[in-house]
């Protein structure tokens, strides 16, 4: 299974059109100009992919923190991540 951070990077570029040069571990969703609707949509995509969700109240979460949270939540749930769906 692909690492969580790599899946997030692909979703950000392919689904949301975020330029690759803006995606860094220390970038926040806020800095990437994700409004509440975009954060919700990303959260739903990540939940569909991994079966766990991001904290909803954290616009300031970094991509590294989000990946760590999702990885820990998947491990705590004792389940393997769901196969990644093709992003269109």
N, C-alpha and C. Protein backbone atom coordinates (compact mmCIF):
# COMPACT_ATOMS: atom_id res chain seq x y z
N UNK A 1 0.85 -1.19 0.00
CA UNK A 1 0.00 0.00 0.00
C UNK A 1 0.88 1.24 0.00
N UNK A 2 0.50 2.18 -0.78
CA UNK A 2 1.20 3.44 -0.90
C UNK A 2 1.14 4.23 0.42
N UNK A 3 2.23 4.89 0.81
CA UNK A 3 2.19 5.68 2.05
C UNK A 3 1.10 6.76 2.00
N UNK A 4 0.54 7.05 3.16
CA UNK A 4 -0.55 8.01 3.28
C UNK A 4 -0.16 9.36 2.68
N UNK A 5 1.02 9.84 3.00
CA UNK A 5 1.44 11.16 2.48
C UNK A 5 1.43 11.18 0.96
N UNK A 6 1.88 10.10 0.33
CA UNK A 6 1.91 10.04 -1.13
C UNK A 6 0.49 10.04 -1.71
N UNK A 7 -0.43 9.35 -1.06
CA UNK A 7 -1.82 9.35 -1.51
C UNK A 7 -2.39 10.76 -1.40
N UNK A 8 -2.12 11.42 -0.28
CA UNK A 8 -2.61 12.79 -0.09
C UNK A 8 -2.04 13.71 -1.16
N UNK A 9 -0.76 13.58 -1.45
CA UNK A 9 -0.13 14.40 -2.48
C UNK A 9 -0.82 14.21 -3.83
N UNK A 10 -1.07 12.96 -4.16
CA UNK A 10 -1.73 12.68 -5.44
C UNK A 10 -3.14 13.26 -5.47
N UNK A 11 -3.89 13.12 -4.38
CA UNK A 11 -5.24 13.69 -4.33
C UNK A 11 -5.20 15.20 -4.48
N UNK A 12 -4.26 15.83 -3.80
CA UNK A 12 -4.15 17.29 -3.87
C UNK A 12 -3.84 17.77 -5.28
N UNK A 13 -2.96 17.07 -5.98
CA UNK A 13 -2.60 17.51 -7.33
C UNK A 13 -3.65 17.11 -8.37
N UNK A 14 -4.08 15.86 -8.31
CA UNK A 14 -4.98 15.37 -9.36
C UNK A 14 -6.43 15.79 -9.16
N UNK A 15 -6.90 15.79 -7.94
CA UNK A 15 -8.31 16.09 -7.70
C UNK A 15 -8.56 17.59 -7.46
N UNK A 16 -7.62 18.22 -6.77
CA UNK A 16 -7.82 19.63 -6.40
C UNK A 16 -6.98 20.60 -7.22
N UNK A 17 -6.07 20.09 -8.04
CA UNK A 17 -5.26 20.95 -8.90
C UNK A 17 -4.20 21.77 -8.18
N UNK A 18 -3.78 21.32 -7.00
CA UNK A 18 -2.74 22.04 -6.28
C UNK A 18 -1.40 21.79 -6.98
N UNK A 19 -0.66 22.84 -7.32
CA UNK A 19 0.64 22.65 -7.96
C UNK A 19 1.60 21.88 -7.04
N UNK A 20 2.36 20.97 -7.64
CA UNK A 20 3.27 20.13 -6.86
C UNK A 20 4.26 20.94 -6.05
N UNK A 21 4.67 22.09 -6.56
CA UNK A 21 5.67 22.88 -5.84
C UNK A 21 5.11 23.52 -4.57
N UNK A 22 3.79 23.52 -4.39
CA UNK A 22 3.17 24.05 -3.17
C UNK A 22 2.98 22.98 -2.11
N UNK A 23 3.13 21.72 -2.49
CA UNK A 23 2.90 20.62 -1.57
C UNK A 23 4.21 20.28 -0.86
N UNK A 24 4.21 20.56 0.44
CA UNK A 24 5.35 20.28 1.31
C UNK A 24 4.81 19.74 2.62
N UNK A 25 5.59 18.97 3.35
CA UNK A 25 5.10 18.44 4.63
C UNK A 25 4.63 19.53 5.60
N UNK A 26 5.24 20.72 5.55
CA UNK A 26 4.86 21.78 6.48
C UNK A 26 3.74 22.68 5.95
N UNK A 27 3.24 22.41 4.75
CA UNK A 27 2.13 23.21 4.20
C UNK A 27 0.84 22.85 4.94
N UNK A 28 0.03 23.86 5.20
CA UNK A 28 -1.27 23.63 5.84
C UNK A 28 -2.36 23.72 4.78
N UNK A 29 -3.51 23.16 5.12
CA UNK A 29 -4.66 23.28 4.22
C UNK A 29 -5.05 24.74 4.07
N UNK A 30 -4.89 25.48 5.12
CA UNK A 30 -5.18 26.91 5.08
C UNK A 30 -4.25 27.62 4.10
N UNK A 31 -2.95 27.31 4.16
CA UNK A 31 -1.98 27.92 3.26
C UNK A 31 -2.24 27.52 1.80
N UNK A 32 -2.79 26.32 1.61
CA UNK A 32 -3.13 25.87 0.27
C UNK A 32 -4.47 26.44 -0.19
N UNK A 33 -5.04 27.33 0.64
CA UNK A 33 -6.29 28.03 0.35
C UNK A 33 -7.49 27.10 0.23
N UNK A 34 -7.51 26.07 1.08
CA UNK A 34 -8.66 25.19 1.14
C UNK A 34 -9.70 25.82 2.05
N UNK A 35 -10.86 26.10 1.48
CA UNK A 35 -11.95 26.61 2.31
C UNK A 35 -12.63 25.42 3.00
N UNK A 36 -13.65 25.69 3.77
CA UNK A 36 -14.30 24.62 4.54
C UNK A 36 -14.89 23.55 3.63
N UNK A 37 -15.40 23.92 2.48
CA UNK A 37 -15.97 22.93 1.56
C UNK A 37 -14.87 22.04 0.97
N UNK A 38 -13.75 22.63 0.58
CA UNK A 38 -12.65 21.84 0.04
C UNK A 38 -12.07 20.92 1.11
N UNK A 39 -11.98 21.40 2.36
CA UNK A 39 -11.49 20.55 3.45
C UNK A 39 -12.45 19.38 3.68
N UNK A 40 -13.74 19.65 3.60
CA UNK A 40 -14.73 18.59 3.76
C UNK A 40 -14.60 17.56 2.64
N UNK A 41 -14.45 18.04 1.41
CA UNK A 41 -14.31 17.13 0.27
C UNK A 41 -13.03 16.29 0.41
N UNK A 42 -11.92 16.91 0.79
CA UNK A 42 -10.69 16.16 1.01
C UNK A 42 -10.88 15.14 2.12
N UNK A 43 -11.53 15.55 3.18
CA UNK A 43 -11.79 14.63 4.29
C UNK A 43 -12.60 13.42 3.85
N UNK A 44 -13.59 13.65 3.01
CA UNK A 44 -14.42 12.54 2.51
C UNK A 44 -13.60 11.61 1.61
N UNK A 45 -12.75 12.18 0.77
CA UNK A 45 -11.90 11.35 -0.08
C UNK A 45 -10.94 10.51 0.76
N UNK A 46 -10.37 11.12 1.79
CA UNK A 46 -9.45 10.39 2.66
C UNK A 46 -10.18 9.32 3.46
N UNK A 47 -11.39 9.62 3.90
CA UNK A 47 -12.18 8.61 4.62
C UNK A 47 -12.53 7.45 3.70
N UNK A 48 -12.90 7.75 2.46
CA UNK A 48 -13.19 6.69 1.49
C UNK A 48 -11.95 5.83 1.22
N UNK A 49 -10.80 6.46 1.21
CA UNK A 49 -9.55 5.76 0.90
C UNK A 49 -9.03 4.95 2.07
N UNK A 50 -9.04 5.55 3.27
CA UNK A 50 -8.40 4.91 4.42
C UNK A 50 -9.36 4.40 5.48
N UNK A 51 -10.62 4.79 5.41
CA UNK A 51 -11.58 4.34 6.41
C UNK A 51 -11.52 5.12 7.71
N UNK A 52 -10.72 6.17 7.76
CA UNK A 52 -10.61 7.04 8.94
C UNK A 52 -10.62 8.48 8.44
N UNK A 53 -10.88 9.42 9.35
CA UNK A 53 -11.01 10.80 8.93
C UNK A 53 -9.99 11.72 9.60
N UNK A 54 -9.88 12.89 9.04
CA UNK A 54 -9.04 13.96 9.60
C UNK A 54 -9.81 14.70 10.68
N UNK A 55 -9.11 15.35 11.59
CA UNK A 55 -9.82 16.23 12.54
C UNK A 55 -10.51 17.34 11.74
N UNK A 56 -11.78 17.53 11.97
CA UNK A 56 -12.55 18.49 11.18
C UNK A 56 -12.28 19.94 11.52
N UNK A 57 -11.79 20.21 12.70
CA UNK A 57 -11.64 21.59 13.16
C UNK A 57 -10.22 22.14 13.00
N UNK A 58 -9.41 21.51 12.15
CA UNK A 58 -8.00 21.89 12.06
C UNK A 58 -7.64 22.37 10.65
N UNK A 59 -7.95 23.61 10.33
CA UNK A 59 -7.53 24.18 9.05
C UNK A 59 -6.02 24.40 9.04
N UNK A 60 -5.43 24.46 10.25
CA UNK A 60 -4.01 24.72 10.37
C UNK A 60 -3.17 23.45 10.40
N UNK A 61 -3.79 22.29 10.21
CA UNK A 61 -3.04 21.03 10.23
C UNK A 61 -2.08 20.98 9.04
N UNK A 62 -0.85 20.56 9.28
CA UNK A 62 0.09 20.42 8.18
C UNK A 62 -0.16 19.10 7.47
N UNK A 63 0.36 19.00 6.27
CA UNK A 63 0.19 17.75 5.54
C UNK A 63 0.90 16.61 6.26
N UNK A 64 2.05 16.89 6.86
CA UNK A 64 2.76 15.85 7.62
C UNK A 64 1.93 15.41 8.83
N UNK A 65 1.33 16.37 9.54
CA UNK A 65 0.49 16.03 10.69
C UNK A 65 -0.74 15.24 10.26
N UNK A 66 -1.33 15.62 9.14
CA UNK A 66 -2.50 14.90 8.63
C UNK A 66 -2.13 13.47 8.29
N UNK A 67 -0.99 13.29 7.62
CA UNK A 67 -0.55 11.93 7.25
C UNK A 67 -0.27 11.10 8.50
N UNK A 68 0.37 11.72 9.51
CA UNK A 68 0.64 11.02 10.77
C UNK A 68 -0.66 10.63 11.47
N UNK A 69 -1.62 11.54 11.49
CA UNK A 69 -2.92 11.27 12.13
C UNK A 69 -3.61 10.10 11.44
N UNK A 70 -3.67 10.14 10.11
CA UNK A 70 -4.34 9.07 9.36
C UNK A 70 -3.63 7.73 9.54
N UNK A 71 -2.31 7.74 9.49
CA UNK A 71 -1.55 6.51 9.67
C UNK A 71 -1.81 5.91 11.05
N UNK A 72 -1.79 6.76 12.08
CA UNK A 72 -2.04 6.28 13.45
C UNK A 72 -3.47 5.78 13.61
N UNK A 73 -4.43 6.49 13.00
CA UNK A 73 -5.83 6.09 13.11
C UNK A 73 -6.08 4.76 12.42
N UNK A 74 -5.45 4.54 11.27
CA UNK A 74 -5.58 3.25 10.57
C UNK A 74 -4.99 2.14 11.43
N UNK A 75 -3.83 2.40 12.00
CA UNK A 75 -3.18 1.39 12.85
C UNK A 75 -4.02 1.10 14.09
N UNK A 76 -4.59 2.13 14.70
CA UNK A 76 -5.42 1.96 15.90
C UNK A 76 -6.69 1.18 15.58
N UNK A 77 -7.21 1.37 14.38
CA UNK A 77 -8.41 0.66 13.98
C UNK A 77 -8.10 -0.81 13.69
N UNK A 78 -6.80 -1.10 13.55
CA UNK A 78 -6.40 -2.48 13.30
C UNK A 78 -6.76 -2.98 11.93
N UNK A 79 -6.95 -2.06 11.03
CA UNK A 79 -7.35 -2.45 9.68
C UNK A 79 -6.34 -1.93 8.68
N UNK A 80 -6.20 -2.67 7.62
CA UNK A 80 -5.36 -2.21 6.52
C UNK A 80 -6.12 -1.12 5.78
N UNK A 81 -5.39 -0.13 5.24
CA UNK A 81 -6.08 0.89 4.44
C UNK A 81 -6.84 0.25 3.29
N UNK A 82 -7.92 0.88 2.94
CA UNK A 82 -8.70 0.40 1.81
C UNK A 82 -7.91 0.62 0.52
N UNK A 83 -8.12 -0.20 -0.48
CA UNK A 83 -7.41 0.05 -1.75
C UNK A 83 -7.79 1.42 -2.25
N UNK A 84 -6.79 2.15 -2.74
CA UNK A 84 -7.03 3.50 -3.22
C UNK A 84 -7.85 3.47 -4.50
N UNK A 85 -8.90 4.27 -4.50
CA UNK A 85 -9.73 4.37 -5.69
C UNK A 85 -9.05 5.29 -6.69
N UNK A 86 -9.27 5.05 -7.94
CA UNK A 86 -8.69 5.89 -8.98
C UNK A 86 -9.25 7.29 -8.87
N UNK A 87 -8.39 8.27 -8.92
CA UNK A 87 -8.80 9.68 -8.87
C UNK A 87 -9.06 10.13 -10.29
N UNK A 88 -10.20 10.73 -10.48
CA UNK A 88 -10.54 11.17 -11.84
C UNK A 88 -10.67 12.66 -11.89
